[in-house]
């Protein structure tokens, strides 16, 4: 098809919008989005708080349905700072719901993906609402984009985590090493966890 002046009105190949992945990643982890690098600490706390609230909701449901066989539980969140072989770090440890390989792959490592959008949580929440009285959880943090904010403070992350399954039992304890925001995750199985929870250490830049 030609326009009135004889020049093509439409040509190929097509142009389309594309994400410049490196640049978008820098934006998500940068001060342009967050303004203050110390907000990475807020993200650590919010994720830990949600993990504890998630575990409490799961235990509450199991108790109300007569399926809980674990010990009494109380949530704890601990922040530490120190040195590890000459490298300064800040870490946050909680005894919340923890993460398994599925959560690491489908939520933690994906920008913008919330754990509340995962099929397991949606299915579980539907069970909670059928309970009498219903069990409700309203997450406030957002895994993914928030995790990128850690790299405003850190060159490297180390994560130890153990998932509490839907029967109330702790699964395998995993260690995850991430050397940068664009790096591959190195995931290792340590052992069967004695209790669920997550410890995230930020090696400061």
Protein backbone atom coordinates (compact mmCIF):
# COMPACT_ATOMS: atom_id res chain seq x y z
CA UNK A 1 0.00 0.00 0.00
CA UNK A 2 1.34 3.46 -0.90
CA UNK A 3 0.54 6.92 0.39
CA UNK A 4 -0.58 9.76 -1.82
CA UNK A 5 2.94 11.04 -2.44
CA UNK A 6 4.19 7.64 -3.57
CA UNK A 7 6.07 6.68 -0.41
CA UNK A 8 5.19 3.50 1.43
CA UNK A 9 2.56 3.97 4.12
CA UNK A 10 3.67 0.81 5.89
CA UNK A 11 6.99 -0.98 5.90
CA UNK A 12 8.51 -4.05 7.53
CA UNK A 13 10.27 -5.13 9.68
CA UNK A 14 8.02 -3.97 12.50
CA UNK A 15 9.24 -2.00 15.47
CA UNK A 16 7.92 -2.72 18.93
CA UNK A 17 8.58 -1.72 22.52
CA UNK A 18 11.11 -3.92 24.26
CA UNK A 19 12.51 -3.97 27.76
CA UNK A 20 16.19 -3.11 28.08
CA UNK A 21 16.72 -5.67 30.80
CA UNK A 22 19.95 -4.32 32.29
CA UNK A 23 18.65 -0.77 32.39
CA UNK A 24 15.31 -1.79 33.90
CA UNK A 25 17.10 -3.82 36.54
CA UNK A 26 19.25 -0.81 37.42
CA UNK A 27 16.08 1.28 37.73
CA UNK A 28 14.36 -1.24 40.00
CA UNK A 29 17.32 -1.46 42.34
CA UNK A 30 18.28 2.21 42.17
CA UNK A 31 17.54 5.38 44.01
CA UNK A 32 15.41 6.63 41.09
CA UNK A 33 12.65 4.28 42.29
CA UNK A 34 13.26 4.11 46.03
CA UNK A 35 14.90 7.46 46.76
CA UNK A 36 16.71 6.24 49.87
CA UNK A 37 19.01 3.20 49.87
CA UNK A 38 18.12 2.49 53.51
CA UNK A 39 14.63 1.51 52.33
CA UNK A 40 16.24 -1.84 51.50
CA UNK A 41 16.15 -2.43 55.28
CA UNK A 42 12.42 -1.74 55.23
CA UNK A 43 12.01 -4.35 52.48
CA UNK A 44 13.91 -6.90 54.57
CA UNK A 45 11.63 -6.23 57.52
CA UNK A 46 8.40 -6.29 55.50
CA UNK A 47 9.30 -9.60 53.87
CA UNK A 48 10.20 -11.09 57.25
CA UNK A 49 6.99 -9.77 58.79
CA UNK A 50 4.88 -11.29 56.03
CA UNK A 51 6.72 -14.59 56.39
CA UNK A 52 5.86 -14.69 60.10
CA UNK A 53 2.25 -13.70 59.50
CA UNK A 54 1.97 -16.38 56.79
CA UNK A 55 3.27 -19.03 59.17
CA UNK A 56 0.88 -17.89 61.89
CA UNK A 57 -2.07 -18.12 59.48
CA UNK A 58 -1.03 -21.62 58.37
CA UNK A 59 -0.62 -22.83 61.97
CA UNK A 60 -3.93 -21.23 62.99
CA UNK A 61 -5.74 -23.06 60.20
CA UNK A 62 -4.12 -26.38 61.11
CA UNK A 63 -5.11 -25.92 64.76
CA UNK A 64 -8.71 -25.08 63.89
CA UNK A 65 -8.97 -28.19 61.74
CA UNK A 66 -7.29 -30.42 64.31
CA UNK A 67 -4.26 -31.16 62.10
CA UNK A 68 -1.46 -29.31 63.89
CA UNK A 69 1.08 -31.51 65.64
CA UNK A 70 3.88 -29.00 66.15
CA UNK A 71 4.98 -26.98 69.16
CA UNK A 72 3.65 -23.63 70.24
CA UNK A 73 5.12 -20.92 68.02
CA UNK A 74 5.84 -17.21 68.36
CA UNK A 75 7.23 -15.08 65.55
CA UNK A 76 10.67 -13.52 65.83
CA UNK A 77 12.58 -11.14 63.56
CA UNK A 78 16.23 -10.39 64.36
CA UNK A 79 18.56 -7.90 62.66
CA UNK A 80 22.33 -8.23 62.99
CA UNK A 81 25.35 -6.38 61.68
CA UNK A 82 28.94 -7.50 61.71
CA UNK A 83 31.98 -8.57 59.73
CA UNK A 84 32.52 -11.81 57.83
CA UNK A 85 36.14 -12.33 56.73
CA UNK A 86 36.64 -8.60 56.52
CA UNK A 87 33.36 -7.89 54.72
CA UNK A 88 30.72 -5.83 56.54
CA UNK A 89 27.18 -7.21 56.44
CA UNK A 90 23.63 -6.66 57.64
CA UNK A 91 21.32 -9.63 58.01
CA UNK A 92 17.72 -10.28 58.87
CA UNK A 93 16.58 -13.58 60.33
CA UNK A 94 12.99 -14.67 60.88
CA UNK A 95 11.26 -17.87 61.91
CA UNK A 96 8.44 -17.44 59.45
CA UNK A 97 7.11 -19.61 56.64
CA UNK A 98 10.46 -19.89 54.81
CA UNK A 99 11.06 -20.68 51.15
CA UNK A 100 11.58 -23.83 49.15
CA UNK A 101 12.88 -24.15 45.61
CA UNK A 102 9.47 -23.32 44.16
CA UNK A 103 9.18 -20.09 46.11
CA UNK A 104 12.75 -19.09 45.23
CA UNK A 105 12.10 -19.70 41.54
CA UNK A 106 8.54 -18.42 41.18
CA UNK A 107 8.44 -15.48 43.61
CA UNK A 108 11.72 -14.38 45.17
CA UNK A 109 13.73 -14.30 41.94
CA UNK A 110 11.04 -12.69 39.76
CA UNK A 111 10.61 -8.93 39.82
CA UNK A 112 7.02 -7.95 40.43
CA UNK A 113 5.82 -11.46 41.36
CA UNK A 114 4.13 -11.52 44.75
CA UNK A 115 3.91 -14.67 46.82
CA UNK A 116 0.20 -13.86 47.23
CA UNK A 117 -0.22 -14.48 43.48
CA UNK A 118 1.23 -17.98 43.61
CA UNK A 119 -1.20 -20.88 43.06
CA UNK A 120 -0.35 -22.52 46.40
CA UNK A 121 -1.24 -19.39 48.37
CA UNK A 122 -4.46 -18.80 46.42
CA UNK A 123 -5.56 -22.40 46.95
CA UNK A 124 -4.59 -22.33 50.61
CA UNK A 125 -6.33 -19.02 51.23
CA UNK A 126 -9.54 -20.46 49.80
CA UNK A 127 -9.32 -23.27 52.40
CA UNK A 128 -8.71 -20.74 55.17
CA UNK A 129 -11.83 -18.78 54.25
CA UNK A 130 -13.96 -21.92 54.51
CA UNK A 131 -12.75 -22.43 58.07
CA UNK A 132 -14.98 -21.37 60.99
CA UNK A 133 -14.01 -18.72 61.87
CA UNK A 134 -12.11 -17.94 58.64
CA UNK A 135 -8.36 -17.32 58.66
CA UNK A 136 -7.27 -14.21 56.77
CA UNK A 137 -3.88 -12.89 55.69
CA UNK A 138 -3.32 -9.54 54.01
CA UNK A 139 0.29 -9.36 52.74
CA UNK A 140 1.92 -5.95 52.75
CA UNK A 141 5.27 -6.64 51.07
CA UNK A 142 6.01 -7.45 47.45
CA UNK A 143 8.74 -9.96 46.72
CA UNK A 144 10.66 -9.39 43.51
CA UNK A 145 10.96 -5.64 43.02
CA UNK A 146 11.67 -5.24 46.72
CA UNK A 147 14.43 -7.82 46.52
CA UNK A 148 16.17 -5.73 43.85
CA UNK A 149 16.38 -2.92 46.36
CA UNK A 150 18.80 -5.03 48.42
CA UNK A 151 21.47 -4.32 45.82
CA UNK A 152 21.39 -0.63 46.64
CA UNK A 153 23.29 -1.69 49.76
CA UNK A 154 24.81 -5.04 48.85
CA UNK A 155 27.21 -6.52 46.33
CA UNK A 156 26.25 -10.05 47.30
CA UNK A 157 23.43 -11.89 49.07
CA UNK A 158 23.52 -15.09 51.08
CA UNK A 159 20.24 -16.72 52.03
CA UNK A 160 19.52 -19.68 54.27
CA UNK A 161 15.91 -20.77 54.26
CA UNK A 162 13.64 -23.66 55.17
CA UNK A 163 9.98 -23.95 54.18
CA UNK A 164 7.17 -24.94 56.53
CA UNK A 165 4.93 -27.19 54.44
CA UNK A 166 1.14 -27.24 54.55
CA UNK A 167 1.12 -30.03 57.13
CA UNK A 168 3.20 -27.92 59.53
CA UNK A 169 6.49 -29.73 59.01
CA UNK A 170 9.86 -28.19 58.13
CA UNK A 171 11.37 -29.20 54.80
CA UNK A 172 14.93 -29.07 53.52
CA UNK A 173 17.22 -26.22 54.48
CA UNK A 174 18.63 -24.44 51.43
CA UNK A 175 21.50 -22.01 50.97
CA UNK A 176 21.36 -19.50 48.14
CA UNK A 177 24.32 -17.38 47.02
CA UNK A 178 23.76 -14.43 44.66
CA UNK A 179 26.76 -12.36 43.61
CA UNK A 180 24.85 -9.54 41.89
CA UNK A 181 21.45 -8.38 40.66
CA UNK A 182 22.02 -9.97 37.25
CA UNK A 183 23.64 -13.15 38.51
CA UNK A 184 22.51 -16.74 38.58
CA UNK A 185 21.30 -18.16 41.88
CA UNK A 186 23.50 -20.87 43.34
CA UNK A 187 21.20 -23.10 45.39
CA UNK A 188 22.55 -25.85 47.65
CA UNK A 189 20.70 -28.29 49.90
CA UNK A 190 22.19 -28.28 53.40
CA UNK A 191 20.09 -30.75 55.39
CA UNK A 192 16.60 -31.36 56.69
CA UNK A 193 15.63 -28.25 58.60
CA UNK A 194 14.81 -28.42 62.28
CA UNK A 195 12.56 -25.39 61.95
CA UNK A 196 11.30 -23.12 59.20
CA UNK A 197 12.51 -19.58 58.61
CA UNK A 198 14.83 -17.43 56.53
CA UNK A 199 18.12 -15.62 57.10
CA UNK A 200 19.15 -13.07 54.48
CA UNK A 201 22.65 -11.58 54.71
CA UNK A 202 23.55 -8.48 52.69
CA UNK A 203 27.29 -8.06 52.11
CA UNK A 204 27.54 -4.30 51.96
CA UNK A 205 28.99 -2.43 49.01
